[in-house]
Protein backbone atom coordinates (compact mmCIF):
# COMPACT_ATOMS: atom_id res chain seq x y z
CA UNK A 1 -208.74 41.00 -109.24
CA UNK A 2 -206.13 41.17 -106.50
CA UNK A 3 -203.54 39.71 -108.87
CA UNK A 4 -204.38 42.31 -111.51
CA UNK A 5 -204.12 45.12 -108.95
CA UNK A 6 -200.79 43.74 -107.67
CA UNK A 7 -199.47 43.86 -111.22
CA UNK A 8 -200.90 47.35 -111.77
CA UNK A 9 -199.20 48.70 -108.64
CA UNK A 10 -195.95 46.87 -109.41
CA UNK A 11 -195.72 44.71 -106.30
CA UNK A 12 -192.95 42.53 -107.74
CA UNK A 13 -190.80 45.48 -108.85
CA UNK A 14 -191.30 47.29 -105.52
CA UNK A 15 -190.73 44.16 -103.44
CA UNK A 16 -194.01 44.28 -101.56
CA UNK A 17 -197.17 42.22 -101.04
CA UNK A 18 -200.83 42.63 -100.20
CA UNK A 19 -200.16 41.88 -96.53
CA UNK A 20 -197.57 44.69 -96.40
CA UNK A 21 -199.80 47.18 -98.18
CA UNK A 22 -202.95 46.35 -96.18
CA UNK A 23 -201.14 46.71 -92.85
CA UNK A 24 -199.62 49.99 -94.03
CA UNK A 25 -203.01 51.25 -95.22
CA UNK A 26 -204.64 50.34 -91.90
CA UNK A 27 -201.85 52.08 -90.01
CA UNK A 28 -202.17 55.26 -92.05
CA UNK A 29 -205.94 55.33 -91.56
CA UNK A 30 -205.71 54.74 -87.81
CA UNK A 31 -203.21 57.60 -87.40
CA UNK A 32 -205.43 59.90 -89.49
CA UNK A 33 -208.88 58.87 -88.18
CA UNK A 34 -208.85 61.76 -85.69
CA UNK A 35 -209.63 64.16 -88.56
CA UNK A 36 -213.13 62.62 -88.79
CA UNK A 37 -213.92 64.16 -85.40
CA UNK A 38 -211.59 67.16 -85.20
CA UNK A 39 -212.60 68.67 -88.54
CA UNK A 40 -216.36 68.81 -87.77
CA UNK A 41 -215.60 70.50 -84.43
CA UNK A 42 -213.50 73.20 -86.09
CA UNK A 43 -215.79 73.82 -89.07
CA UNK A 44 -218.78 73.61 -86.74
CA UNK A 45 -217.50 76.85 -85.21
CA UNK A 46 -218.06 78.42 -88.64
CA UNK A 47 -221.73 77.51 -88.42
CA UNK A 48 -221.55 74.31 -90.47
CA UNK A 49 -223.62 71.28 -89.35
CA UNK A 50 -221.16 68.90 -87.70
CA UNK A 51 -222.73 65.63 -88.80
CA UNK A 52 -222.71 66.83 -92.41
CA UNK A 53 -219.06 67.91 -92.14
CA UNK A 54 -218.13 64.48 -90.74
CA UNK A 55 -219.64 62.82 -93.80
CA UNK A 56 -218.03 65.37 -96.12
CA UNK A 57 -214.68 64.73 -94.43
CA UNK A 58 -214.99 60.95 -94.87
CA UNK A 59 -216.20 61.12 -98.47
CA UNK A 60 -213.76 63.85 -99.53
CA UNK A 61 -210.79 62.10 -97.92
CA UNK A 62 -211.89 58.78 -99.41
CA UNK A 63 -212.19 60.14 -102.97
CA UNK A 64 -208.90 62.04 -102.75
CA UNK A 65 -206.95 59.13 -101.27
CA UNK A 66 -208.38 56.64 -103.78
CA UNK A 67 -207.38 59.02 -106.59
CA UNK A 68 -203.86 59.21 -105.19
CA UNK A 69 -203.61 55.44 -104.99
CA UNK A 70 -205.17 54.49 -108.32
CA UNK A 71 -203.89 57.41 -110.42
CA UNK A 72 -200.55 58.38 -108.85
CA UNK A 73 -199.83 54.88 -107.44
CA UNK A 74 -198.25 56.40 -104.34
CA UNK A 75 -198.85 55.50 -100.66
CA UNK A 76 -199.95 59.02 -99.73
CA UNK A 77 -203.27 59.69 -97.98
CA UNK A 78 -205.26 62.91 -98.07
CA UNK A 79 -207.83 64.61 -95.83
CA UNK A 80 -208.89 68.15 -94.84
CA UNK A 81 -205.73 69.91 -93.74
CA UNK A 82 -205.25 70.99 -90.15
CA UNK A 83 -204.42 74.69 -90.06
CA UNK A 84 -206.28 75.38 -93.28
CA UNK A 85 -209.53 74.30 -91.61
CA UNK A 86 -208.76 76.68 -88.73
CA UNK A 87 -208.05 79.48 -91.22
CA UNK A 88 -211.36 78.63 -92.91
CA UNK A 89 -213.38 78.81 -89.69
CA UNK A 90 -211.68 81.47 -87.58
CA UNK A 91 -210.04 83.83 -90.08
CA UNK A 92 -212.37 83.71 -93.09
CA UNK A 93 -215.75 83.02 -91.48
CA UNK A 94 -215.27 84.67 -88.08
CA UNK A 95 -212.55 87.22 -88.90
CA UNK A 96 -214.03 88.47 -92.17
CA UNK A 97 -217.60 87.62 -91.24
CA UNK A 98 -218.17 85.63 -94.43
CA UNK A 99 -220.69 82.80 -94.77
CA UNK A 100 -219.17 79.33 -94.85
CA UNK A 101 -220.72 78.82 -98.29
CA UNK A 102 -218.48 81.60 -99.64
CA UNK A 103 -215.44 80.09 -97.94
CA UNK A 104 -216.23 76.75 -99.63
CA UNK A 105 -216.37 78.63 -102.93
CA UNK A 106 -212.86 79.95 -102.29
CA UNK A 107 -211.64 76.41 -101.53
CA UNK A 108 -213.19 75.19 -104.80
CA UNK A 109 -211.41 77.93 -106.77
CA UNK A 110 -208.19 77.03 -104.96
CA UNK A 111 -208.63 73.45 -106.20
CA UNK A 112 -209.26 74.59 -109.79
CA UNK A 113 -206.13 76.77 -109.73
CA UNK A 114 -204.16 73.82 -108.35
CA UNK A 115 -205.48 71.53 -111.03
CA UNK A 116 -204.45 73.95 -113.79
CA UNK A 117 -200.98 74.42 -112.27
CA UNK A 118 -200.66 70.64 -111.90
CA UNK A 119 -201.67 69.85 -115.48
CA UNK A 120 -199.27 72.53 -116.65
CA UNK A 121 -195.64 71.87 -115.61
CA UNK A 122 -195.64 74.74 -113.08
CA UNK A 123 -195.83 72.68 -109.89
CA UNK A 124 -193.41 70.12 -111.34
CA UNK A 125 -190.92 72.92 -111.96
CA UNK A 126 -191.34 74.08 -108.37
CA UNK A 127 -190.62 70.62 -106.96
CA UNK A 128 -187.61 70.08 -109.24
CA UNK A 129 -186.21 73.55 -108.48
CA UNK A 130 -186.01 72.89 -104.73
CA UNK A 131 -182.42 71.88 -103.81
CA UNK A 132 -181.89 68.27 -102.71
CA UNK A 133 -180.65 69.30 -99.25
CA UNK A 134 -183.87 71.25 -98.67
CA UNK A 135 -185.91 68.20 -99.74
CA UNK A 136 -183.97 65.98 -97.34
CA UNK A 137 -184.40 68.55 -94.59
CA UNK A 138 -188.14 68.64 -95.30
CA UNK A 139 -188.41 64.97 -94.40
CA UNK A 140 -186.54 65.58 -91.15
CA UNK A 141 -188.59 68.68 -90.34
CA UNK A 142 -191.81 66.79 -90.96
CA UNK A 143 -190.51 64.10 -88.62
CA UNK A 144 -189.99 66.61 -85.82
CA UNK A 145 -193.37 68.15 -86.60
CA UNK A 146 -195.10 64.76 -86.39
CA UNK A 147 -193.25 63.93 -83.16
CA UNK A 148 -194.29 67.25 -81.63
CA UNK A 149 -197.94 66.58 -82.56
CA UNK A 150 -197.65 63.15 -80.95
CA UNK A 151 -195.96 64.44 -77.79
CA UNK A 152 -198.58 67.16 -77.45
CA UNK A 153 -201.41 64.70 -78.00
CA UNK A 154 -199.87 62.43 -75.36
CA UNK A 155 -199.65 65.27 -72.85
CA UNK A 156 -195.88 64.89 -72.60
CA UNK A 157 -195.38 68.37 -74.05
CA UNK A 158 -197.79 71.12 -72.96
CA UNK A 159 -197.97 74.88 -73.44
CA UNK A 160 -196.37 77.24 -70.94
CA UNK A 161 -196.80 80.99 -70.53
CA UNK A 162 -193.24 81.27 -69.23
CA UNK A 163 -191.32 79.06 -71.67
CA UNK A 164 -193.85 78.52 -74.50
CA UNK A 165 -193.72 74.75 -74.04
CA UNK A 166 -192.76 72.54 -71.12
CA UNK A 167 -192.94 68.99 -69.81
CA UNK A 168 -196.46 67.91 -68.96
CA UNK A 169 -197.51 65.86 -65.96
CA UNK A 170 -196.26 62.29 -66.25
CA UNK A 171 -198.76 61.18 -63.64
CA UNK A 172 -201.94 61.47 -65.70
CA UNK A 173 -203.33 58.12 -66.88
CA UNK A 174 -203.57 59.28 -70.52
CA UNK A 175 -199.90 60.30 -70.59
CA UNK A 176 -198.78 57.12 -68.90
CA UNK A 177 -200.78 55.09 -71.42
CA UNK A 178 -199.08 56.96 -74.29
CA UNK A 179 -195.64 56.29 -72.81
CA UNK A 180 -196.64 52.63 -72.51
CA UNK A 181 -197.61 52.70 -76.20
CA UNK A 182 -194.25 54.18 -77.23
CA UNK A 183 -192.43 51.45 -75.30
CA UNK A 184 -194.61 48.73 -76.84
CA UNK A 185 -194.02 49.93 -80.41
CA UNK A 186 -190.28 50.36 -79.79
CA UNK A 187 -190.08 46.83 -78.37
CA UNK A 188 -192.00 45.37 -81.31
CA UNK A 189 -189.68 47.20 -83.71
CA UNK A 190 -186.60 45.90 -81.89
CA UNK A 191 -188.00 42.36 -82.19
CA UNK A 192 -188.70 42.95 -85.93
CA UNK A 193 -192.40 42.16 -85.47
CA UNK A 194 -194.38 42.77 -88.64
CA UNK A 195 -196.93 45.58 -88.38
CA UNK A 196 -195.34 46.89 -85.18
CA UNK A 197 -196.91 50.37 -85.31
CA UNK A 198 -200.43 49.09 -85.98
CA UNK A 199 -200.06 46.38 -83.34
CA UNK A 200 -198.84 48.99 -80.87
CA UNK A 201 -201.93 51.13 -81.51
CA UNK A 202 -204.24 48.12 -81.07
CA UNK A 203 -202.52 46.94 -77.87
CA UNK A 204 -202.58 50.44 -76.37
CA UNK A 205 -206.25 50.83 -77.29
CA UNK A 206 -207.12 47.52 -75.56
CA UNK A 207 -205.15 48.44 -72.44
CA UNK A 208 -206.96 51.79 -72.40
CA UNK A 209 -210.23 49.93 -71.90
CA UNK A 210 -208.99 48.92 -68.42
CA UNK A 211 -207.48 52.28 -67.44
CA UNK A 212 -209.56 55.16 -66.11
CA UNK A 213 -208.64 58.59 -67.38
CA UNK A 214 -208.46 61.92 -65.58
CA UNK A 215 -212.23 62.34 -65.94
CA UNK A 216 -212.91 59.08 -64.14
CA UNK A 217 -214.06 57.26 -67.28
CA UNK A 218 -212.18 54.52 -69.11
CA UNK A 219 -209.82 55.96 -71.71
CA UNK A 220 -211.04 53.58 -74.42
CA UNK A 221 -214.80 53.49 -74.86
CA UNK A 222 -216.15 50.32 -76.45
CA UNK A 223 -219.68 51.08 -77.60
CA UNK A 224 -222.25 48.36 -78.23
CA UNK A 225 -223.23 49.81 -81.62
CA UNK A 226 -220.29 50.12 -84.01
CA UNK A 227 -222.40 50.77 -87.11
CA UNK A 228 -224.44 53.92 -87.67
CA UNK A 229 -226.28 54.61 -90.91
CA UNK A 230 -225.23 57.89 -92.57
CA UNK A 231 -227.69 60.78 -92.41
CA UNK A 232 -227.94 61.74 -96.08
CA UNK A 233 -230.54 64.37 -95.30
CA UNK A 234 -228.06 66.14 -93.04
CA UNK A 235 -225.28 65.75 -95.64
CA UNK A 236 -227.40 67.59 -98.20
CA UNK A 237 -226.94 70.76 -96.12
CA UNK A 238 -223.29 71.03 -97.21
CA UNK A 239 -223.24 69.04 -100.46
CA UNK A 240 -222.97 71.51 -103.39
CA UNK A 241 -223.68 74.37 -100.98
CA UNK A 242 -220.60 76.36 -102.03
CA UNK A 243 -220.97 79.96 -103.27
CA UNK A 244 -218.43 80.31 -106.10
CA UNK A 245 -219.70 83.67 -107.36
CA UNK A 246 -219.45 85.14 -103.88
CA UNK A 247 -215.85 83.98 -103.60
CA UNK A 248 -214.97 85.49 -106.99
CA UNK A 249 -215.74 89.02 -105.81
CA UNK A 250 -212.71 91.28 -105.78
CA UNK A 251 -212.73 91.68 -102.00
CA UNK A 252 -212.13 87.95 -101.51
CA UNK A 253 -209.02 87.71 -103.71
CA UNK A 254 -206.66 87.69 -100.72
CA UNK A 255 -208.59 84.80 -99.16
CA UNK A 256 -208.34 82.69 -102.32
CA UNK A 257 -204.65 83.58 -102.62
CA UNK A 258 -203.93 82.48 -99.04
CA UNK A 259 -205.76 79.17 -99.48
CA UNK A 260 -203.84 78.50 -102.71
CA UNK A 261 -200.43 79.70 -101.55
CA UNK A 262 -200.32 77.88 -98.22
CA UNK A 263 -201.86 74.71 -99.63
CA UNK A 264 -199.39 74.64 -102.53
CA UNK A 265 -196.25 74.73 -100.44
CA UNK A 266 -197.68 72.58 -97.68
CA UNK A 267 -198.36 69.91 -100.34
CA UNK A 268 -195.01 70.36 -102.10
CA UNK A 269 -193.16 70.06 -98.80
CA UNK A 270 -195.16 67.06 -97.64
CA UNK A 271 -194.90 64.97 -100.82
CA UNK A 272 -191.20 65.81 -101.14
CA UNK A 273 -190.58 64.67 -97.58
CA UNK A 274 -192.63 61.50 -98.06
CA UNK A 275 -190.85 60.77 -101.36
CA UNK A 276 -187.54 61.13 -99.55
CA UNK A 277 -188.70 58.63 -96.94
CA UNK A 278 -189.72 56.26 -99.76
CA UNK A 279 -186.23 56.63 -101.27
CA UNK A 280 -187.66 57.46 -104.70
CA UNK A 281 -186.13 60.92 -105.12
CA UNK A 282 -183.93 61.25 -108.20
CA UNK A 283 -180.80 63.41 -108.44
CA UNK A 284 -182.75 66.24 -110.08
CA UNK A 285 -185.22 66.24 -107.18
CA UNK A 286 -188.07 64.66 -109.13
CA UNK A 287 -189.73 61.32 -108.48
CA UNK A 288 -192.00 58.98 -110.37
CA UNK A 289 -195.64 59.95 -110.05
CA UNK A 290 -195.00 63.51 -108.81
CA UNK A 291 -197.20 65.15 -111.46
CA UNK A 292 -200.04 62.70 -110.82
CA UNK A 293 -199.70 63.19 -107.07
CA UNK A 294 -200.22 66.92 -107.51
CA UNK A 295 -203.23 66.35 -109.76
CA UNK A 296 -204.69 63.96 -107.18
CA UNK A 297 -204.20 66.57 -104.46
CA UNK A 298 -206.03 69.18 -106.55
CA UNK A 299 -208.88 66.78 -107.34
CA UNK A 300 -209.18 66.10 -103.61
CA UNK A 301 -209.58 69.79 -102.82
CA UNK A 302 -212.27 70.17 -105.50
CA UNK A 303 -214.13 67.07 -104.26
CA UNK A 304 -213.89 68.27 -100.66
CA UNK A 305 -215.34 71.69 -101.50
CA UNK A 306 -218.22 70.07 -103.38
CA UNK A 307 -218.94 67.75 -100.44
CA UNK A 308 -218.66 70.53 -97.89
CA UNK A 309 -215.26 70.62 -96.21
CA UNK A 310 -212.16 72.80 -96.16
CA UNK A 311 -209.03 72.26 -98.26
CA UNK A 312 -208.00 68.62 -98.65
CA UNK A 313 -204.27 68.04 -98.75
CA UNK A 314 -201.67 65.27 -98.52
CA UNK A 315 -201.10 64.22 -94.90
CA UNK A 316 -197.76 63.87 -93.17
CA UNK A 317 -199.30 60.96 -91.24
CA UNK A 318 -198.87 58.96 -94.47
CA UNK A 319 -195.36 58.43 -93.16
CA UNK A 320 -196.83 55.97 -90.64
CA UNK A 321 -197.88 53.63 -93.47
CA UNK A 322 -194.55 54.09 -95.22
CA UNK A 323 -192.77 53.24 -91.97
CA UNK A 324 -194.80 50.02 -91.89
CA UNK A 325 -193.35 49.05 -95.27
CA UNK A 326 -196.02 50.52 -97.57
CA UNK A 327 -194.57 51.20 -101.02
CA UNK A 328 -197.36 51.52 -103.59
CA UNK A 329 -200.75 53.03 -104.28
CA UNK A 330 -202.36 49.94 -102.77
CA UNK A 331 -201.74 51.56 -99.37
CA UNK A 332 -203.83 54.56 -100.41
CA UNK A 333 -206.44 52.22 -101.88
CA UNK A 334 -206.88 50.58 -98.47
CA UNK A 335 -206.86 53.90 -96.60
CA UNK A 336 -209.30 55.50 -99.03
CA UNK A 337 -211.75 52.60 -98.77
CA UNK A 338 -211.57 52.79 -94.97
CA UNK A 339 -212.41 56.49 -95.09
CA UNK A 340 -215.47 55.72 -97.21
CA UNK A 341 -216.45 52.86 -94.89
CA UNK A 342 -216.14 55.23 -91.93
CA UNK A 343 -219.43 56.77 -93.12
CA UNK A 344 -221.11 53.79 -91.46
CA UNK A 345 -218.30 52.62 -89.17
CA UNK A 346 -217.41 56.01 -87.69
CA UNK A 347 -218.32 54.84 -84.14
CA UNK A 348 -215.61 52.17 -84.50
CA UNK A 349 -213.06 54.76 -85.61
CA UNK A 350 -213.98 56.80 -82.55
CA UNK A 351 -213.03 53.98 -80.20
CA UNK A 352 -209.29 54.52 -80.70
CA UNK A 353 -208.15 57.18 -78.17
CA UNK A 354 -205.54 59.83 -78.90
CA UNK A 355 -203.38 58.19 -76.23
CA UNK A 356 -203.05 55.21 -78.61
CA UNK A 357 -202.29 57.16 -81.81
CA UNK A 358 -199.88 59.61 -80.16
CA UNK A 359 -197.17 56.94 -79.66
CA UNK A 360 -197.36 56.05 -83.36
CA UNK A 361 -196.75 59.68 -84.33
CA UNK A 362 -193.72 59.92 -82.03
CA UNK A 363 -192.20 56.74 -83.47
CA UNK A 364 -192.90 57.84 -87.05
CA UNK A 365 -191.21 61.16 -86.26
CA UNK A 366 -188.14 59.21 -85.19
CA UNK A 367 -188.19 57.11 -88.37
CA UNK A 368 -188.29 60.22 -90.55
CA UNK A 369 -185.00 61.52 -89.14
CA UNK A 370 -182.85 59.23 -91.29
CA UNK A 371 -182.41 61.64 -94.28
CA UNK A 372 -180.48 64.01 -92.02
CA UNK A 373 -177.47 61.73 -92.56
CA UNK A 374 -177.52 62.62 -96.27
CA UNK A 375 -177.52 66.43 -95.81
CA UNK A 376 -174.30 68.20 -96.76
CA UNK A 377 -173.22 69.89 -93.52
CA UNK A 378 -169.75 70.81 -94.83
CA UNK A 379 -171.06 73.74 -96.90
CA UNK A 380 -172.71 76.38 -94.67
CA UNK A 381 -174.69 77.74 -97.63
CA UNK A 382 -176.27 74.29 -97.97
CA UNK A 383 -176.42 73.27 -94.30
CA UNK A 384 -177.90 76.41 -92.74
CA UNK A 385 -180.98 76.57 -95.04
CA UNK A 386 -181.52 72.87 -94.34
CA UNK A 387 -181.36 73.61 -90.60
CA UNK A 388 -183.83 76.50 -90.99
CA UNK A 389 -186.21 74.17 -92.85
CA UNK A 390 -185.97 71.53 -90.14
CA UNK A 391 -186.57 73.77 -87.12
CA UNK A 392 -189.16 76.06 -88.71
CA UNK A 393 -191.66 73.25 -89.33
CA UNK A 394 -192.24 72.22 -85.70
CA UNK A 395 -191.61 75.70 -84.27
CA UNK A 396 -194.09 77.44 -86.60
CA UNK A 397 -196.42 74.42 -86.68
CA UNK A 398 -196.43 74.46 -90.47
CA UNK A 399 -194.76 72.42 -93.22
CA UNK A 400 -195.32 75.30 -95.65
CA UNK A 401 -193.58 77.86 -93.41
CA UNK A 402 -190.56 75.60 -92.99
CA UNK A 403 -190.19 75.06 -96.73
CA UNK A 404 -190.68 78.76 -97.51
CA UNK A 405 -188.13 79.95 -94.93
CA UNK A 406 -185.68 77.25 -96.00
CA UNK A 407 -185.84 78.31 -99.66
CA UNK A 408 -185.56 82.01 -98.75
CA UNK A 409 -182.45 81.42 -96.62
CA UNK A 410 -180.95 79.22 -99.35
CA UNK A 411 -181.35 81.89 -102.02
CA UNK A 412 -180.07 84.64 -99.72
CA UNK A 413 -176.93 82.72 -98.73
CA UNK A 414 -176.17 81.73 -102.31
CA UNK A 415 -176.42 85.38 -103.39
CA UNK A 416 -174.29 86.64 -100.49
CA UNK A 417 -171.61 84.00 -101.15
CA UNK A 418 -171.61 84.65 -104.89
CA UNK A 419 -172.76 81.13 -105.82
CA UNK A 420 -175.24 82.29 -108.43
CA UNK A 421 -174.78 79.13 -110.52
CA UNK A 422 -176.58 77.15 -107.80
CA UNK A 423 -179.72 79.21 -108.31
CA UNK A 424 -182.36 78.84 -110.99
CA UNK A 425 -185.09 81.21 -112.26
CA UNK A 426 -187.84 79.32 -110.44
CA UNK A 427 -186.11 79.75 -107.06
CA UNK A 428 -185.66 83.48 -107.69
CA UNK A 429 -189.33 83.91 -108.63
CA UNK A 430 -190.45 81.86 -105.62
CA UNK A 431 -188.32 83.96 -103.28
CA UNK A 432 -189.88 87.18 -104.57
CA UNK A 433 -193.37 85.69 -104.10
CA UNK A 434 -192.47 84.55 -100.57
CA UNK A 435 -191.31 88.05 -99.61
CA UNK A 436 -194.51 89.57 -101.02
CA UNK A 437 -196.57 86.93 -99.19
CA UNK A 438 -195.03 87.75 -95.81
CA UNK A 439 -195.14 91.50 -96.51
CA UNK A 440 -198.79 91.72 -97.52
């Protein structure tokens, strides 16, 4: 079976092996496991039962990631998107006062729209229409975004009323442990140790068991019971609980549009950046498996809504597995199976502290900077939009915003400099939609 799967994924052609792909899959899962606990907390604020959301998150992420691996054959993992889950809970449910069942209905419709656009060549056209420099900049911007998430999680960067962000206290045990983790991973990389990121996470987690945190408890909690049977009765409270008819009412059109619009360009930006890191981008901006990746993403959103969670999307943390040498869908196969196993092993996933995963995100952010060397900085009409794309992602805390602003600045500069031949109809249409999106 393993030989057949290796042939199916093209191990020989891609120059990889099961050991490479398994390590990469484990690394991706470990860097994403936080969503199993963060997502229920956020959606719980919308009135959803947290234990049910945890199961929905694990099952939805597992189905979506397995689909990406087996169908698209790409090392991209999926889970409920951060930002979209906050929009779901705080804007839709709290802001508009809508029941979470209606919000799930809107997510389901979003997935159906995505699936239609993915089967049709619409989303493919969008990806191919984005200039190569913007795609390269997307990878770099995602890298800075990931690094910022890691630095914030480590407590190295904290919010400030005076300067927005500032340096956190380097005396706290959690921050010191994260710095230790960064040094460990960097050292392992310098020594060319296989699986350096995953090993760094494991080593930092073990050390955390002997270090007391700011609350006086050990940073890493090893529980005696690492297996907990899933509560299917609780899961039934969110499974198929979506209200599609409620979401189809005219008054909810803007909600569905926002889910679809933000998710679309968040996904396009993420998979383009990851494809750039994989070095599979062609000259026309396309890459093998792009259409299937978009279909997998749409299927994930539909599955997530049916299970009872917010929009599922491709995760930038997939770059951690790619950085470990992951090259094929086998990575996603491993990650997806681990998500499904987390239904019963979720206490084990909870052992790994954020102080251990934060260093991995910082290092992955560094590794994603390489495409900046390929950006054409000699032409201001090419370089400035790339720069806007790069800085907008971490500064607005959104991959979608960075891509949107980058494309808008690209089109504007090309028009102002009279380089109309560099534009295409899809870019013009997208720019008009972007302006309308920000205006209304």
